[in-house]
Amino acid sequence: MVEGFFGKLKSARGLATRYDKRADNFLAPIKLFATRIWIKSL
């Protein structure tokens, strides 16, 4: 389940390349993407 999540996370190009240098700017899209995956699974 965790490996599947990271596989889906890597499909998002902006997250895979990490354009944002600050940790808080990088973490925000990860949270949004995780929420989107969670909602789709309901």
N, C-alpha and C. Protein backbone atom coordinates (compact mmCIF):
# COMPACT_ATOMS: atom_id res chain seq x y z
N MET A 1 0.83 -1.19 0.00
CA MET A 1 0.00 0.00 0.00
C MET A 1 0.88 1.26 0.00
N VAL A 2 1.90 1.25 0.83
CA VAL A 2 2.80 2.41 0.90
C VAL A 2 3.60 2.53 -0.39
N GLU A 3 4.07 1.40 -0.92
CA GLU A 3 4.83 1.44 -2.17
C GLU A 3 3.95 1.92 -3.32
N GLY A 4 2.69 1.53 -3.31
CA GLY A 4 1.76 2.00 -4.33
C GLY A 4 1.56 3.50 -4.26
N PHE A 5 1.48 4.03 -3.03
CA PHE A 5 1.33 5.47 -2.86
C PHE A 5 2.52 6.22 -3.42
N PHE A 6 3.74 5.75 -3.11
CA PHE A 6 4.92 6.44 -3.62
C PHE A 6 5.05 6.28 -5.12
N GLY A 7 4.57 5.18 -5.67
CA GLY A 7 4.55 5.02 -7.11
C GLY A 7 3.65 6.05 -7.77
N LYS A 8 2.48 6.27 -7.19
CA LYS A 8 1.57 7.29 -7.71
C LYS A 8 2.14 8.69 -7.51
N LEU A 9 2.82 8.88 -6.39
CA LEU A 9 3.41 10.19 -6.09
C LEU A 9 4.48 10.55 -7.11
N LYS A 10 5.25 9.56 -7.56
CA LYS A 10 6.30 9.82 -8.54
C LYS A 10 5.73 10.15 -9.91
N SER A 11 4.47 9.81 -10.16
CA SER A 11 3.87 10.13 -11.46
C SER A 11 3.62 11.62 -11.62
N ALA A 12 3.55 12.34 -10.53
CA ALA A 12 3.38 13.79 -10.59
C ALA A 12 4.74 14.42 -10.87
N ARG A 13 4.88 15.02 -12.01
CA ARG A 13 6.19 15.49 -12.47
C ARG A 13 6.80 16.54 -11.53
N GLY A 14 6.00 17.48 -11.07
CA GLY A 14 6.52 18.53 -10.20
C GLY A 14 7.02 17.99 -8.87
N LEU A 15 6.41 16.92 -8.40
CA LEU A 15 6.85 16.33 -7.14
C LEU A 15 8.09 15.46 -7.35
N ALA A 16 8.15 14.78 -8.49
CA ALA A 16 9.28 13.90 -8.74
C ALA A 16 10.56 14.68 -8.96
N THR A 17 10.46 15.86 -9.56
CA THR A 17 11.66 16.65 -9.84
C THR A 17 11.99 17.62 -8.72
N ARG A 18 11.06 17.86 -7.84
CA ARG A 18 11.21 18.77 -6.69
C ARG A 18 11.77 20.12 -7.09
N TYR A 19 10.89 20.91 -7.71
CA TYR A 19 11.28 22.25 -8.12
C TYR A 19 11.39 23.19 -6.93
N ASP A 20 10.60 22.97 -5.91
CA ASP A 20 10.62 23.86 -4.74
C ASP A 20 11.75 23.46 -3.81
N LYS A 21 12.52 24.43 -3.39
CA LYS A 21 13.67 24.15 -2.54
C LYS A 21 13.32 24.13 -1.05
N ARG A 22 12.33 24.92 -0.66
CA ARG A 22 11.96 24.95 0.76
C ARG A 22 11.07 23.77 1.09
N ALA A 23 11.26 23.21 2.27
CA ALA A 23 10.53 22.00 2.67
C ALA A 23 9.02 22.24 2.75
N ASP A 24 8.60 23.40 3.26
CA ASP A 24 7.16 23.64 3.37
C ASP A 24 6.51 23.81 1.99
N ASN A 25 7.22 24.41 1.05
CA ASN A 25 6.69 24.52 -0.31
C ASN A 25 6.64 23.17 -1.00
N PHE A 26 7.54 22.28 -0.64
CA PHE A 26 7.56 20.95 -1.23
C PHE A 26 6.50 20.05 -0.61
N LEU A 27 6.22 20.22 0.66
CA LEU A 27 5.29 19.36 1.37
C LEU A 27 3.83 19.66 1.02
N ALA A 28 3.51 20.89 0.69
CA ALA A 28 2.13 21.26 0.38
C ALA A 28 1.56 20.46 -0.79
N PRO A 29 2.24 20.37 -1.94
CA PRO A 29 1.66 19.57 -3.04
C PRO A 29 1.59 18.09 -2.71
N ILE A 30 2.49 17.60 -1.88
CA ILE A 30 2.42 16.19 -1.48
C ILE A 30 1.15 15.95 -0.68
N LYS A 31 0.82 16.86 0.21
CA LYS A 31 -0.41 16.72 0.99
C LYS A 31 -1.64 16.79 0.10
N LEU A 32 -1.64 17.70 -0.86
CA LEU A 32 -2.77 17.80 -1.78
C LEU A 32 -2.91 16.54 -2.63
N PHE A 33 -1.80 16.02 -3.12
CA PHE A 33 -1.82 14.82 -3.94
C PHE A 33 -2.28 13.62 -3.12
N ALA A 34 -1.81 13.53 -1.87
CA ALA A 34 -2.22 12.43 -1.00
C ALA A 34 -3.72 12.51 -0.70
N THR A 35 -4.23 13.72 -0.51
CA THR A 35 -5.66 13.90 -0.27
C THR A 35 -6.46 13.48 -1.49
N ARG A 36 -5.97 13.84 -2.67
CA ARG A 36 -6.65 13.46 -3.91
C ARG A 36 -6.70 11.94 -4.07
N ILE A 37 -5.60 11.27 -3.77
CA ILE A 37 -5.57 9.80 -3.85
C ILE A 37 -6.53 9.21 -2.83
N TRP A 38 -6.57 9.76 -1.63
CA TRP A 38 -7.43 9.26 -0.58
C TRP A 38 -8.91 9.40 -0.95
N ILE A 39 -9.26 10.57 -1.51
CA ILE A 39 -10.66 10.81 -1.89
C ILE A 39 -11.07 9.88 -3.02
N LYS A 40 -10.17 9.64 -3.98
CA LYS A 40 -10.50 8.75 -5.08
C LYS A 40 -10.72 7.31 -4.62
N SER A 41 -10.08 6.94 -3.51
CA SER A 41 -10.21 5.56 -3.02
C SER A 41 -11.50 5.33 -2.24
N LEU A 42 -12.21 6.39 -1.88
CA LEU A 42 -13.45 6.24 -1.12
C LEU A 42 -14.60 5.81 -1.95
